[in-house]
Amino acid sequence: MSDSAGAPQPASKPAPKSKYDYSKGPLPLNINLQWCKACNICIAFCPTQVFEPDRDGRPVQARPEACTQCTICWTHCPDFAITSNYK
């Protein structure tokens, strides 16, 4: 008989943290709102939910500290409206 009550439980993985410190510099991303057509691909694909739509449907960086510079938003933007300020 084995008792699982004494077995250590695996620790849950913490959310990915950014290796960049955005507190002393510019926001992690630059969004050219003149080029953006508000398709919201960046909002849908962002794994850390950095973006939220503004009243016109264009992305704003609601949680910039969550940005991990994964490149998903700017590589999928059909208008090339998003660039990184750190890469």
PDB file of N, CA and C in Angstrom:
ATOM      1  N   MET A   1       0.828  -1.177   0.000  1.00  0.00           N
ATOM      2  CA  MET A   1       0.000   0.000   0.000  1.00  0.00           C
ATOM      3  C   MET A   1       0.877   1.247   0.000  1.00  0.00           C
ATOM      4  N   SER A   2       0.608   2.093  -0.915  1.00  0.00           N
ATOM      5  CA  SER A   2       1.361   3.343  -0.955  1.00  0.00           C
ATOM      6  C   SER A   2       0.464   4.486  -0.529  1.00  0.00           C
ATOM      7  N   ASP A   3       1.041   5.380   0.201  1.00  0.00           N
ATOM      8  CA  ASP A   3       0.299   6.517   0.718  1.00  0.00           C
ATOM      9  C   ASP A   3       0.727   7.758  -0.055  1.00  0.00           C
ATOM     10  N   SER A   4      -0.192   8.386  -0.798  1.00  0.00           N
ATOM     11  CA  SER A   4       0.161   9.554  -1.596  1.00  0.00           C
ATOM     12  C   SER A   4       0.090  10.846  -0.794  1.00  0.00           C
ATOM     13  N   ALA A   5      -0.349  10.774   0.444  1.00  0.00           N
ATOM     14  CA  ALA A   5      -0.464  11.991   1.245  1.00  0.00           C
ATOM     15  C   ALA A   5       0.907  12.565   1.584  1.00  0.00           C
ATOM     16  N   GLY A   6       1.930  11.726   1.682  1.00  0.00           N
ATOM     17  CA  GLY A   6       3.256  12.195   2.031  1.00  0.00           C
ATOM     18  C   GLY A   6       4.089  12.584   0.825  1.00  0.00           C
ATOM     19  N   ALA A   7       3.611  12.316  -0.380  1.00  0.00           N
ATOM     20  CA  ALA A   7       4.377  12.622  -1.584  1.00  0.00           C
ATOM     21  C   ALA A   7       4.330  14.122  -1.863  1.00  0.00           C
ATOM     22  N   PRO A   8       5.444  14.693  -2.249  1.00  0.00           N
ATOM     23  CA  PRO A   8       5.438  16.127  -2.565  1.00  0.00           C
ATOM     24  C   PRO A   8       4.659  16.400  -3.847  1.00  0.00           C
ATOM     25  N   GLN A   9       3.921  17.479  -3.838  1.00  0.00           N
ATOM     26  CA  GLN A   9       3.141  17.884  -5.006  1.00  0.00           C
ATOM     27  C   GLN A   9       4.012  18.753  -5.904  1.00  0.00           C
ATOM     28  N   PRO A  10       3.907  18.563  -7.225  1.00  0.00           N
ATOM     29  CA  PRO A  10       4.705  19.411  -8.115  1.00  0.00           C
ATOM     30  C   PRO A  10       4.229  20.859  -8.022  1.00  0.00           C
ATOM     31  N   ALA A  11       5.179  21.767  -8.015  1.00  0.00           N
ATOM     32  CA  ALA A  11       4.848  23.192  -7.929  1.00  0.00           C
ATOM     33  C   ALA A  11       4.282  23.663  -9.266  1.00  0.00           C
ATOM     34  N   SER A  12       3.276  24.502  -9.205  1.00  0.00           N
ATOM     35  CA  SER A  12       2.714  25.031 -10.445  1.00  0.00           C
ATOM     36  C   SER A  12       3.678  26.064 -11.006  1.00  0.00           C
ATOM     37  N   LYS A  13       3.714  26.149 -12.337  1.00  0.00           N
ATOM     38  CA  LYS A  13       4.622  27.074 -12.992  1.00  0.00           C
ATOM     39  C   LYS A  13       4.114  28.498 -12.832  1.00  0.00           C
ATOM     40  N   PRO A  14       4.985  29.417 -12.468  1.00  0.00           N
ATOM     41  CA  PRO A  14       4.555  30.817 -12.399  1.00  0.00           C
ATOM     42  C   PRO A  14       4.378  31.375 -13.808  1.00  0.00           C
ATOM     43  N   ALA A  15       3.634  32.447 -13.914  1.00  0.00           N
ATOM     44  CA  ALA A  15       3.438  33.098 -15.205  1.00  0.00           C
ATOM     45  C   ALA A  15       4.782  33.578 -15.726  1.00  0.00           C
ATOM     46  N   PRO A  16       4.960  33.562 -17.058  1.00  0.00           N
ATOM     47  CA  PRO A  16       6.242  34.007 -17.596  1.00  0.00           C
ATOM     48  C   PRO A  16       6.487  35.473 -17.251  1.00  0.00           C
ATOM     49  N   LYS A  17       7.697  35.751 -16.801  1.00  0.00           N
ATOM     50  CA  LYS A  17       8.055  37.115 -16.461  1.00  0.00           C
ATOM     51  C   LYS A  17       8.923  37.671 -17.570  1.00  0.00           C
ATOM     52  N   SER A  18       8.776  38.945 -17.770  1.00  0.00           N
ATOM     53  CA  SER A  18       9.583  39.598 -18.784  1.00  0.00           C
ATOM     54  C   SER A  18      10.996  39.791 -18.259  1.00  0.00           C
ATOM     55  N   LYS A  19      11.971  39.632 -19.133  1.00  0.00           N
ATOM     56  CA  LYS A  19      13.350  39.858 -18.730  1.00  0.00           C
ATOM     57  C   LYS A  19      13.733  41.328 -18.878  1.00  0.00           C
ATOM     58  N   TYR A  20      12.784  42.133 -19.340  1.00  0.00           N
ATOM     59  CA  TYR A  20      13.011  43.556 -19.510  1.00  0.00           C
ATOM     60  C   TYR A  20      12.340  44.334 -18.384  1.00  0.00           C
ATOM     61  N   ASP A  21      12.976  45.429 -17.976  1.00  0.00           N
ATOM     62  CA  ASP A  21      12.404  46.308 -16.955  1.00  0.00           C
ATOM     63  C   ASP A  21      11.871  47.548 -17.669  1.00  0.00           C
ATOM     64  N   TYR A  22      10.552  47.628 -17.758  1.00  0.00           N
ATOM     65  CA  TYR A  22       9.917  48.726 -18.475  1.00  0.00           C
ATOM     66  C   TYR A  22       9.632  49.927 -17.582  1.00  0.00           C
ATOM     67  N   SER A  23       9.988  49.876 -16.309  1.00  0.00           N
ATOM     68  CA  SER A  23       9.634  50.955 -15.390  1.00  0.00           C
ATOM     69  C   SER A  23      10.467  52.221 -15.613  1.00  0.00           C
ATOM     70  N   LYS A  24      11.640  52.089 -16.199  1.00  0.00           N
ATOM     71  CA  LYS A  24      12.515  53.244 -16.346  1.00  0.00           C
ATOM     72  C   LYS A  24      12.666  53.715 -17.785  1.00  0.00           C
ATOM     73  N   GLY A  25      11.978  53.091 -18.689  1.00  0.00           N
ATOM     74  CA  GLY A  25      12.132  53.458 -20.086  1.00  0.00           C
ATOM     75  C   GLY A  25      10.803  53.565 -20.793  1.00  0.00           C
ATOM     76  N   PRO A  26      10.835  53.505 -22.115  1.00  0.00           N
ATOM     77  CA  PRO A  26       9.597  53.597 -22.878  1.00  0.00           C
ATOM     78  C   PRO A  26       8.760  52.332 -22.741  1.00  0.00           C
ATOM     79  N   LEU A  27       7.534  52.405 -23.191  1.00  0.00           N
ATOM     80  CA  LEU A  27       6.680  51.219 -23.217  1.00  0.00           C
ATOM     81  C   LEU A  27       7.341  50.152 -24.084  1.00  0.00           C
ATOM     82  N   PRO A  28       7.001  48.897 -23.879  1.00  0.00           N
ATOM     83  CA  PRO A  28       7.694  47.841 -24.625  1.00  0.00           C
ATOM     84  C   PRO A  28       7.458  47.872 -26.132  1.00  0.00           C
ATOM     85  N   LEU A  29       6.299  48.374 -26.543  1.00  0.00           N
ATOM     86  CA  LEU A  29       5.954  48.348 -27.956  1.00  0.00           C
ATOM     87  C   LEU A  29       5.557  49.734 -28.440  1.00  0.00           C
ATOM     88  N   ASN A  30       5.784  49.965 -29.707  1.00  0.00           N
ATOM     89  CA  ASN A  30       5.358  51.200 -30.350  1.00  0.00           C
ATOM     90  C   ASN A  30       4.246  50.821 -31.327  1.00  0.00           C
ATOM     91  N   ILE A  31       3.085  51.437 -31.193  1.00  0.00           N
ATOM     92  CA  ILE A  31       1.956  51.151 -32.076  1.00  0.00           C
ATOM     93  C   ILE A  31       1.693  52.385 -32.924  1.00  0.00           C
ATOM     94  N   ASN A  32       1.863  52.254 -34.222  1.00  0.00           N
ATOM     95  CA  ASN A  32       1.589  53.345 -35.142  1.00  0.00           C
ATOM     96  C   ASN A  32       0.086  53.324 -35.444  1.00  0.00           C
ATOM     97  N   LEU A  33      -0.651  54.185 -34.770  1.00  0.00           N
ATOM     98  CA  LEU A  33      -2.110  54.176 -34.900  1.00  0.00           C
ATOM     99  C   LEU A  33      -2.584  54.680 -36.258  1.00  0.00           C
ATOM    100  N   GLN A  34      -1.730  55.382 -36.998  1.00  0.00           N
ATOM    101  CA  GLN A  34      -2.105  55.801 -38.349  1.00  0.00           C
ATOM    102  C   GLN A  34      -2.087  54.620 -39.314  1.00  0.00           C
ATOM    103  N   TRP A  35      -1.264  53.633 -39.045  1.00  0.00           N
ATOM    104  CA  TRP A  35      -1.204  52.449 -39.899  1.00  0.00           C
ATOM    105  C   TRP A  35      -2.195  51.374 -39.461  1.00  0.00           C
ATOM    106  N   CYS A  36      -2.554  51.367 -38.191  1.00  0.00           N
ATOM    107  CA  CYS A  36      -3.410  50.310 -37.631  1.00  0.00           C
ATOM    108  C   CYS A  36      -4.827  50.415 -38.170  1.00  0.00           C
ATOM    109  N   LYS A  37      -5.375  49.290 -38.626  1.00  0.00           N
ATOM    110  CA  LYS A  37      -6.753  49.276 -39.103  1.00  0.00           C
ATOM    111  C   LYS A  37      -7.698  48.606 -38.109  1.00  0.00           C
ATOM    112  N   ALA A  38      -7.238  48.379 -36.891  1.00  0.00           N
ATOM    113  CA  ALA A  38      -8.043  47.812 -35.800  1.00  0.00           C
ATOM    114  C   ALA A  38      -8.564  46.414 -36.129  1.00  0.00           C
ATOM    115  N   CYS A  39      -7.702  45.573 -36.683  1.00  0.00           N
ATOM    116  CA  CYS A  39      -8.102  44.190 -36.980  1.00  0.00           C
ATOM    117  C   CYS A  39      -8.118  43.334 -35.719  1.00  0.00           C
ATOM    118  N   ASN A  40      -7.406  43.764 -34.669  1.00  0.00           N
ATOM    119  CA  ASN A  40      -7.343  43.097 -33.366  1.00  0.00           C
ATOM    120  C   ASN A  40      -6.649  41.741 -33.376  1.00  0.00           C
ATOM    121  N   ILE A  41      -5.849  41.479 -34.383  1.00  0.00           N
ATOM    122  CA  ILE A  41      -5.059  40.245 -34.403  1.00  0.00           C
ATOM    123  C   ILE A  41      -4.073  40.240 -33.235  1.00  0.00           C
ATOM    124  N   CYS A  42      -3.466  41.384 -32.971  1.00  0.00           N
ATOM    125  CA  CYS A  42      -2.499  41.471 -31.866  1.00  0.00           C
ATOM    126  C   CYS A  42      -3.174  41.203 -30.526  1.00  0.00           C
ATOM    127  N   ILE A  43      -4.379  41.700 -30.353  1.00  0.00           N
ATOM    128  CA  ILE A  43      -5.115  41.479 -29.106  1.00  0.00           C
ATOM    129  C   ILE A  43      -5.452  40.004 -28.944  1.00  0.00           C
ATOM    130  N   ALA A  44      -5.870  39.373 -30.015  1.00  0.00           N
ATOM    131  CA  ALA A  44      -6.274  37.968 -29.959  1.00  0.00           C
ATOM    132  C   ALA A  44      -5.096  37.024 -29.755  1.00  0.00           C
ATOM    133  N   PHE A  45      -3.944  37.338 -30.354  1.00  0.00           N
ATOM    134  CA  PHE A  45      -2.806  36.417 -30.301  1.00  0.00           C
ATOM    135  C   PHE A  45      -1.883  36.621 -29.107  1.00  0.00           C
ATOM    136  N   CYS A  46      -1.963  37.738 -28.424  1.00  0.00           N
ATOM    137  CA  CYS A  46      -1.033  38.023 -27.328  1.00  0.00           C
ATOM    138  C   CYS A  46      -1.218  37.009 -26.200  1.00  0.00           C
ATOM    139  N   PRO A  47      -0.171  36.234 -25.874  1.00  0.00           N
ATOM    140  CA  PRO A  47      -0.305  35.206 -24.843  1.00  0.00           C
ATOM    141  C   PRO A  47      -0.395  35.760 -23.421  1.00  0.00           C
ATOM    142  N   THR A  48       0.002  37.012 -23.222  1.00  0.00           N
ATOM    143  CA  THR A  48      -0.037  37.585 -21.876  1.00  0.00           C
ATOM    144  C   THR A  48      -1.053  38.711 -21.737  1.00  0.00           C
ATOM    145  N   GLN A  49      -1.916  38.886 -22.715  1.00  0.00           N
ATOM    146  CA  GLN A  49      -2.991  39.889 -22.704  1.00  0.00           C
ATOM    147  C   GLN A  49      -2.481  41.288 -22.383  1.00  0.00           C
ATOM    148  N   VAL A  50      -1.460  41.716 -23.105  1.00  0.00           N
ATOM    149  CA  VAL A  50      -0.908  43.054 -22.926  1.00  0.00           C
ATOM    150  C   VAL A  50      -1.885  44.112 -23.446  1.00  0.00           C
ATOM    151  N   PHE A  51      -2.597  43.802 -24.522  1.00  0.00           N
ATOM    152  CA  PHE A  51      -3.440  44.790 -25.198  1.00  0.00           C
ATOM    153  C   PHE A  51      -4.897  44.736 -24.774  1.00  0.00           C
ATOM    154  N   GLU A  52      -5.542  45.906 -24.905  1.00  0.00           N
ATOM    155  CA  GLU A  52      -6.996  46.022 -24.839  1.00  0.00           C
ATOM    156  C   GLU A  52      -7.391  47.026 -25.911  1.00  0.00           C
ATOM    157  N   PRO A  53      -8.579  46.879 -26.489  1.00  0.00           N
ATOM    158  CA  PRO A  53      -8.984  47.837 -27.521  1.00  0.00           C
ATOM    159  C   PRO A  53      -9.432  49.166 -26.910  1.00  0.00           C
ATOM    160  N   ASP A  54      -9.137  50.256 -27.616  1.00  0.00           N
ATOM    161  CA  ASP A  54      -9.656  51.550 -27.182  1.00  0.00           C
ATOM    162  C   ASP A  54     -11.063  51.720 -27.750  1.00  0.00           C
ATOM    163  N   ARG A  55     -11.636  52.887 -27.643  1.00  0.00           N
ATOM    164  CA  ARG A  55     -13.027  53.069 -28.087  1.00  0.00           C
ATOM    165  C   ARG A  55     -13.190  52.924 -29.590  1.00  0.00           C
ATOM    166  N   ASP A  56     -12.086  53.068 -30.341  1.00  0.00           N
ATOM    167  CA  ASP A  56     -12.131  52.888 -31.789  1.00  0.00           C
ATOM    168  C   ASP A  56     -11.735  51.472 -32.208  1.00  0.00           C
ATOM    169  N   GLY A  57     -11.416  50.620 -31.244  1.00  0.00           N
ATOM    170  CA  GLY A  57     -11.035  49.242 -31.534  1.00  0.00           C
ATOM    171  C   GLY A  57      -9.554  49.038 -31.760  1.00  0.00           C
ATOM    172  N   ARG A  58      -8.770  50.086 -31.652  1.00  0.00           N
ATOM    173  CA  ARG A  58      -7.322  49.962 -31.845  1.00  0.00           C
ATOM    174  C   ARG A  58      -6.664  49.520 -30.540  1.00  0.00           C
ATOM    175  N   PRO A  59      -5.561  48.790 -30.634  1.00  0.00           N
ATOM    176  CA  PRO A  59      -4.918  48.268 -29.418  1.00  0.00           C
ATOM    177  C   PRO A  59      -4.203  49.354 -28.615  1.00  0.00           C
ATOM    178  N   VAL A  60      -4.318  49.248 -27.311  1.00  0.00           N
ATOM    179  CA  VAL A  60      -3.521  50.054 -26.385  1.00  0.00           C
ATOM    180  C   VAL A  60      -2.841  49.086 -25.431  1.00  0.00           C
ATOM    181  N   GLN A  61      -1.706  49.486 -24.892  1.00  0.00           N
ATOM    182  CA  GLN A  61      -0.957  48.624 -23.984  1.00  0.00           C
ATOM    183  C   GLN A  61      -1.516  48.787 -22.571  1.00  0.00           C
ATOM    184  N   ALA A  62      -2.479  47.961 -22.226  1.00  0.00           N
ATOM    185  CA  ALA A  62      -3.121  48.043 -20.918  1.00  0.00           C
ATOM    186  C   ALA A  62      -2.245  47.456 -19.820  1.00  0.00           C
ATOM    187  N   ARG A  63      -1.461  46.439 -20.145  1.00  0.00           N
ATOM    188  CA  ARG A  63      -0.584  45.788 -19.173  1.00  0.00           C
ATOM    189  C   ARG A  63       0.819  45.646 -19.771  1.00  0.00           C
ATOM    190  N   PRO A  64       1.541  46.750 -19.929  1.00  0.00           N
ATOM    191  CA  PRO A  64       2.868  46.672 -20.570  1.00  0.00           C
ATOM    192  C   PRO A  64       3.873  45.851 -19.783  1.00  0.00           C
ATOM    193  N   GLU A  65       3.717  45.784 -18.466  1.00  0.00           N
ATOM    194  CA  GLU A  65       4.664  45.010 -17.650  1.00  0.00           C
ATOM    195  C   GLU A  65       4.578  43.519 -17.934  1.00  0.00           C
ATOM    196  N   ALA A  66       3.497  43.077 -18.559  1.00  0.00           N
ATOM    197  CA  ALA A  66       3.321  41.660 -18.881  1.00  0.00           C
ATOM    198  C   ALA A  66       3.973  41.274 -20.204  1.00  0.00           C
ATOM    199  N   CYS A  67       4.439  42.239 -20.972  1.00  0.00           N
ATOM    200  CA  CYS A  67       5.019  41.958 -22.286  1.00  0.00           C
ATOM    201  C   CYS A  67       6.326  41.195 -22.131  1.00  0.00           C
ATOM    202  N   THR A  68       6.429  40.065 -22.816  1.00  0.00           N
ATOM    203  CA  THR A  68       7.641  39.237 -22.771  1.00  0.00           C
ATOM    204  C   THR A  68       8.479  39.365 -24.043  1.00  0.00           C
ATOM    205  N   GLN A  69       8.107  40.276 -24.944  1.00  0.00           N
ATOM    206  CA  GLN A  69       8.810  40.462 -26.219  1.00  0.00           C
ATOM    207  C   GLN A  69       8.825  39.165 -27.025  1.00  0.00           C
ATOM    208  N   CYS A  70       7.703  38.469 -27.045  1.00  0.00           N
ATOM    209  CA  CYS A  70       7.625  37.176 -27.744  1.00  0.00           C
ATOM    210  C   CYS A  70       7.557  37.336 -29.260  1.00  0.00           C
ATOM    211  N   THR A  71       7.309  38.506 -29.772  1.00  0.00           N
ATOM    212  CA  THR A  71       7.254  38.880 -31.189  1.00  0.00           C
ATOM    213  C   THR A  71       5.965  38.483 -31.899  1.00  0.00           C
ATOM    214  N   ILE A  72       5.025  37.877 -31.229  1.00  0.00           N
ATOM    215  CA  ILE A  72       3.805  37.423 -31.899  1.00  0.00           C
ATOM    216  C   ILE A  72       3.009  38.588 -32.461  1.00  0.00           C
ATOM    217  N   CYS A  73       2.858  39.664 -31.700  1.00  0.00           N
ATOM    218  CA  CYS A  73       2.013  40.766 -32.161  1.00  0.00           C
ATOM    219  C   CYS A  73       2.580  41.444 -33.399  1.00  0.00           C
ATOM    220  N   TRP A  74       3.879  41.755 -33.391  1.00  0.00           N
ATOM    221  CA  TRP A  74       4.394  42.490 -34.540  1.00  0.00           C
ATOM    222  C   TRP A  74       4.682  41.606 -35.741  1.00  0.00           C
ATOM    223  N   THR A  75       4.873  40.322 -35.563  1.00  0.00           N
ATOM    224  CA  THR A  75       5.063  39.461 -36.739  1.00  0.00           C
ATOM    225  C   THR A  75       3.734  39.107 -37.400  1.00  0.00           C
ATOM    226  N   HIS A  76       2.636  39.175 -36.667  1.00  0.00           N
ATOM    227  CA  HIS A  76       1.329  38.867 -37.245  1.00  0.00           C
ATOM    228  C   HIS A  76       0.545  40.101 -37.676  1.00  0.00           C
ATOM    229  N   CYS A  77       1.031  41.282 -37.355  1.00  0.00           N
ATOM    230  CA  CYS A  77       0.329  42.512 -37.728  1.00  0.00           C
ATOM    231  C   CYS A  77       0.389  42.691 -39.248  1.00  0.00           C
ATOM    232  N   PRO A  78      -0.775  42.680 -39.923  1.00  0.00           N
ATOM    233  CA  PRO A  78      -0.754  42.798 -41.386  1.00  0.00           C
ATOM    234  C   PRO A  78      -0.369  44.194 -41.874  1.00  0.00           C
ATOM    235  N   ASP A  79      -0.416  45.190 -40.993  1.00  0.00           N
ATOM    236  CA  ASP A  79      -0.103  46.565 -41.384  1.00  0.00           C
ATOM    237  C   ASP A  79       1.287  47.007 -40.941  1.00  0.00           C
ATOM    238  N   PHE A  80       2.038  46.129 -40.282  1.00  0.00           N
ATOM    239  CA  PHE A  80       3.361  46.453 -39.741  1.00  0.00           C
ATOM    240  C   PHE A  80       3.290  47.669 -38.821  1.00  0.00           C
ATOM    241  N   ALA A  81       2.200  47.767 -38.058  1.00  0.00           N
ATOM    242  CA  ALA A  81       1.963  48.925 -37.207  1.00  0.00           C
ATOM    243  C   ALA A  81       2.603  48.790 -35.829  1.00  0.00           C
ATOM    244  N   ILE A  82       3.120  47.616 -35.487  1.00  0.00           N
ATOM    245  CA  ILE A  82       3.696  47.393 -34.161  1.00  0.00           C
ATOM    246  C   ILE A  82       5.181  47.102 -34.298  1.00  0.00           C
ATOM    247  N   THR A  83       5.970  47.802 -33.498  1.00  0.00           N
ATOM    248  CA  THR A  83       7.410  47.550 -33.434  1.00  0.00           C
ATOM    249  C   THR A  83       7.817  47.503 -31.963  1.00  0.00           C
ATOM    250  N   SER A  84       8.914  46.837 -31.704  1.00  0.00           N
ATOM    251  CA  SER A  84       9.428  46.742 -30.348  1.00  0.00           C
ATOM    252  C   SER A  84      10.355  47.909 -30.059  1.00  0.00           C
ATOM    253  N   ASN A  85      10.301  48.412 -28.853  1.00  0.00           N
ATOM    254  CA  ASN A  85      11.234  49.429 -28.414  1.00  0.00           C
ATOM    255  C   ASN A  85      12.465  48.815 -27.753  1.00  0.00           C
ATOM    256  N   TYR A  86      12.527  47.488 -27.660  1.00  0.00           N
ATOM    257  CA  TYR A  86      13.617  46.813 -26.939  1.00  0.00           C
ATOM    258  C   TYR A  86      14.361  45.792 -27.779  1.00  0.00           C
ATOM    259  N   LYS A  87      13.864  45.394 -28.920  1.00  0.00           N
ATOM    260  CA  LYS A  87      14.555  44.403 -29.758  1.00  0.00           C
ATOM    261  C   LYS A  87      14.927  45.011 -31.077  1.00  0.00           C
TER     262      LYS A  87
END
